[in-house]
Amino acid sequence: MSITAIALIGLVAWSLALTLVLVIARFSAVFKGEGEINKFRPDGTDLNPLGARITRAHANSLEYIALPVGLMLLAIASGNVAITDGLAMVFLGSRIAQSVVHTLSTSKLMVLTRATLFTVQIVIMIIWACDLYAIT
């Protein structure tokens, strides 16, 4: 299995992990009497601050998963994982770190850190897209 395929599985597994954490946060709120099971707001504003940050980190992960997945699948399907393998784990690590930072705090330093990690991902995807396009 290529490094790209492992990172692809990691991206999906990370989104699943965030989903599980969000489900736990929501059920915790229900069991504590802080919310009703059928009245959750999709933006998490009905949860405590940590729950709201978890909700946003989860949504952010799902909002951007299609872009790297598409590029990674193209590399795998076309037999060009050499293009994506070198930065695949950097991409996965920055995605996970971004979500963790997103969940921890909304301080200016953490938002700047999160933006930096997101920028790393964008730059990697631009590199991949250009390199994959160049071989067609």
Protein backbone atom coordinates (compact mmCIF):
# COMPACT_ATOMS: atom_id res chain seq x y z
CA MET A 1 0.00 0.00 0.00
CA SER A 2 1.34 3.41 -0.94
CA ILE A 3 1.96 6.22 1.53
CA THR A 4 -0.77 8.14 -0.30
CA ALA A 5 -3.27 5.34 0.34
CA ILE A 6 -2.32 5.21 4.01
CA ALA A 7 -2.76 8.99 4.31
CA LEU A 8 -6.10 8.73 2.50
CA ILE A 9 -7.30 6.17 5.02
CA GLY A 10 -5.97 8.46 7.76
CA LEU A 11 -8.03 11.40 6.48
CA VAL A 12 -11.19 9.32 6.48
CA ALA A 13 -10.38 7.81 9.88
CA TRP A 14 -9.74 11.28 11.32
CA SER A 15 -13.11 12.52 10.10
CA LEU A 16 -14.73 9.45 11.63
CA ALA A 17 -12.92 10.09 14.92
CA LEU A 18 -14.16 13.69 14.97
CA THR A 19 -17.68 12.39 14.27
CA LEU A 20 -17.42 10.08 17.27
CA VAL A 21 -16.12 12.89 19.51
CA LEU A 22 -19.00 15.11 18.37
CA VAL A 23 -21.57 12.38 19.05
CA ILE A 24 -20.12 11.94 22.54
CA ALA A 25 -20.25 15.71 23.16
CA ARG A 26 -23.88 15.88 22.02
CA PHE A 27 -25.01 12.87 24.04
CA SER A 28 -23.14 14.23 27.05
CA ALA A 29 -25.12 17.47 26.75
CA VAL A 30 -28.38 15.49 26.58
CA PHE A 31 -27.51 13.38 29.62
CA LYS A 32 -26.53 16.49 31.59
CA GLY A 33 -29.84 18.14 30.70
CA GLU A 34 -28.10 20.84 28.67
CA GLY A 35 -29.92 20.00 25.43
CA GLU A 36 -32.61 17.91 23.83
CA ILE A 37 -31.74 15.06 21.52
CA ASN A 38 -33.95 16.39 18.75
CA LYS A 39 -33.05 20.09 18.97
CA PHE A 40 -29.35 20.39 18.23
CA ARG A 41 -28.14 23.30 16.11
CA PRO A 42 -25.82 22.26 13.29
CA ASP A 43 -23.31 24.99 14.18
CA GLY A 44 -22.96 23.77 17.77
CA THR A 45 -24.01 27.08 19.33
CA ASP A 46 -26.35 25.22 21.65
CA LEU A 47 -23.42 23.35 23.23
CA ASN A 48 -20.79 24.51 25.71
CA PRO A 49 -17.75 26.28 24.17
CA LEU A 50 -15.77 23.03 23.82
CA GLY A 51 -18.74 21.33 22.15
CA ALA A 52 -19.11 24.26 19.76
CA ARG A 53 -15.41 24.07 18.83
CA ILE A 54 -15.67 20.29 18.32
CA THR A 55 -18.68 20.87 16.07
CA ARG A 56 -16.78 23.42 13.99
CA ALA A 57 -13.64 21.26 13.76
CA HIS A 58 -15.79 18.34 12.60
CA ALA A 59 -17.57 20.47 9.99
CA ASN A 60 -14.28 21.94 8.80
CA SER A 61 -12.82 18.47 8.37
CA LEU A 62 -15.77 17.37 6.26
CA GLU A 63 -15.88 20.62 4.26
CA TYR A 64 -12.36 20.12 2.94
CA ILE A 65 -12.01 16.34 2.71
CA ALA A 66 -13.12 16.13 -0.93
CA LEU A 67 -10.19 18.14 -2.30
CA PRO A 68 -7.28 16.05 -0.99
CA VAL A 69 -9.23 12.82 -1.42
CA GLY A 70 -9.86 13.65 -5.07
CA LEU A 71 -6.19 14.38 -5.70
CA MET A 72 -5.02 11.31 -3.79
CA LEU A 73 -7.47 9.05 -5.61
CA LEU A 74 -6.37 10.47 -8.96
CA ALA A 75 -2.74 9.77 -8.06
CA ILE A 76 -3.59 6.23 -6.97
CA ALA A 77 -5.83 5.48 -9.98
CA SER A 78 -3.35 6.86 -12.49
CA GLY A 79 -0.37 5.12 -10.90
CA ASN A 80 1.26 8.42 -9.98
CA VAL A 81 1.55 8.13 -6.21
CA ALA A 82 5.17 9.24 -6.50
CA ILE A 83 3.69 12.73 -6.87
CA THR A 84 1.67 12.57 -3.64
CA ASP A 85 3.64 10.15 -1.47
CA GLY A 86 6.30 12.68 -0.46
CA LEU A 87 3.85 15.09 1.18
CA ALA A 88 0.92 12.79 1.99
CA MET A 89 1.83 12.34 5.65
CA VAL A 90 2.67 16.04 6.02
CA PHE A 91 -0.80 16.76 4.68
CA LEU A 92 -2.43 14.28 7.09
CA GLY A 93 -0.44 15.60 10.03
CA SER A 94 -1.34 19.20 9.28
CA ARG A 95 -5.02 18.25 8.89
CA ILE A 96 -5.06 16.48 12.26
CA ALA A 97 -3.10 19.27 13.94
CA GLN A 98 -5.49 21.87 12.50
CA SER A 99 -8.48 20.05 13.97
CA VAL A 100 -6.81 19.65 17.35
CA VAL A 101 -5.87 23.33 17.48
CA HIS A 102 -9.40 24.22 16.36
CA THR A 103 -10.80 22.23 19.27
CA LEU A 104 -8.42 23.56 21.91
CA SER A 105 -8.89 27.31 21.65
CA THR A 106 -10.01 30.32 19.65
CA SER A 107 -7.25 32.61 20.93
CA LYS A 108 -5.48 34.74 18.33
CA LEU A 109 -2.36 32.57 18.51
CA MET A 110 -4.37 29.38 17.99
CA VAL A 111 -6.35 30.87 15.10
CA LEU A 112 -3.08 31.95 13.48
CA THR A 113 -1.65 28.47 14.05
CA ARG A 114 -4.78 26.90 12.55
CA ALA A 115 -4.59 29.21 9.52
CA THR A 116 -0.95 28.30 9.03
CA LEU A 117 -1.74 24.59 9.11
CA PHE A 118 -4.57 25.14 6.63
CA THR A 119 -2.22 27.09 4.35
CA VAL A 120 0.23 24.18 4.41
CA GLN A 121 -2.59 21.92 3.19
CA ILE A 122 -3.59 24.34 0.42
CA VAL A 123 0.01 24.66 -0.80
CA ILE A 124 0.41 20.87 -0.84
CA MET A 125 -2.81 20.45 -2.85
CA ILE A 126 -1.69 23.11 -5.34
CA ILE A 127 1.62 21.28 -5.78
CA TRP A 128 -0.18 17.97 -6.26
CA ALA A 129 -2.71 19.43 -8.69
CA CYS A 130 -0.03 21.10 -10.81
CA ASP A 131 2.17 18.00 -10.86
CA LEU A 132 -0.76 15.70 -11.69
CA TYR A 133 -1.90 18.07 -14.42
CA ALA A 134 1.61 18.25 -15.89
CA ILE A 135 1.70 14.50 -16.52
CA THR A 136 -1.59 14.40 -18.45
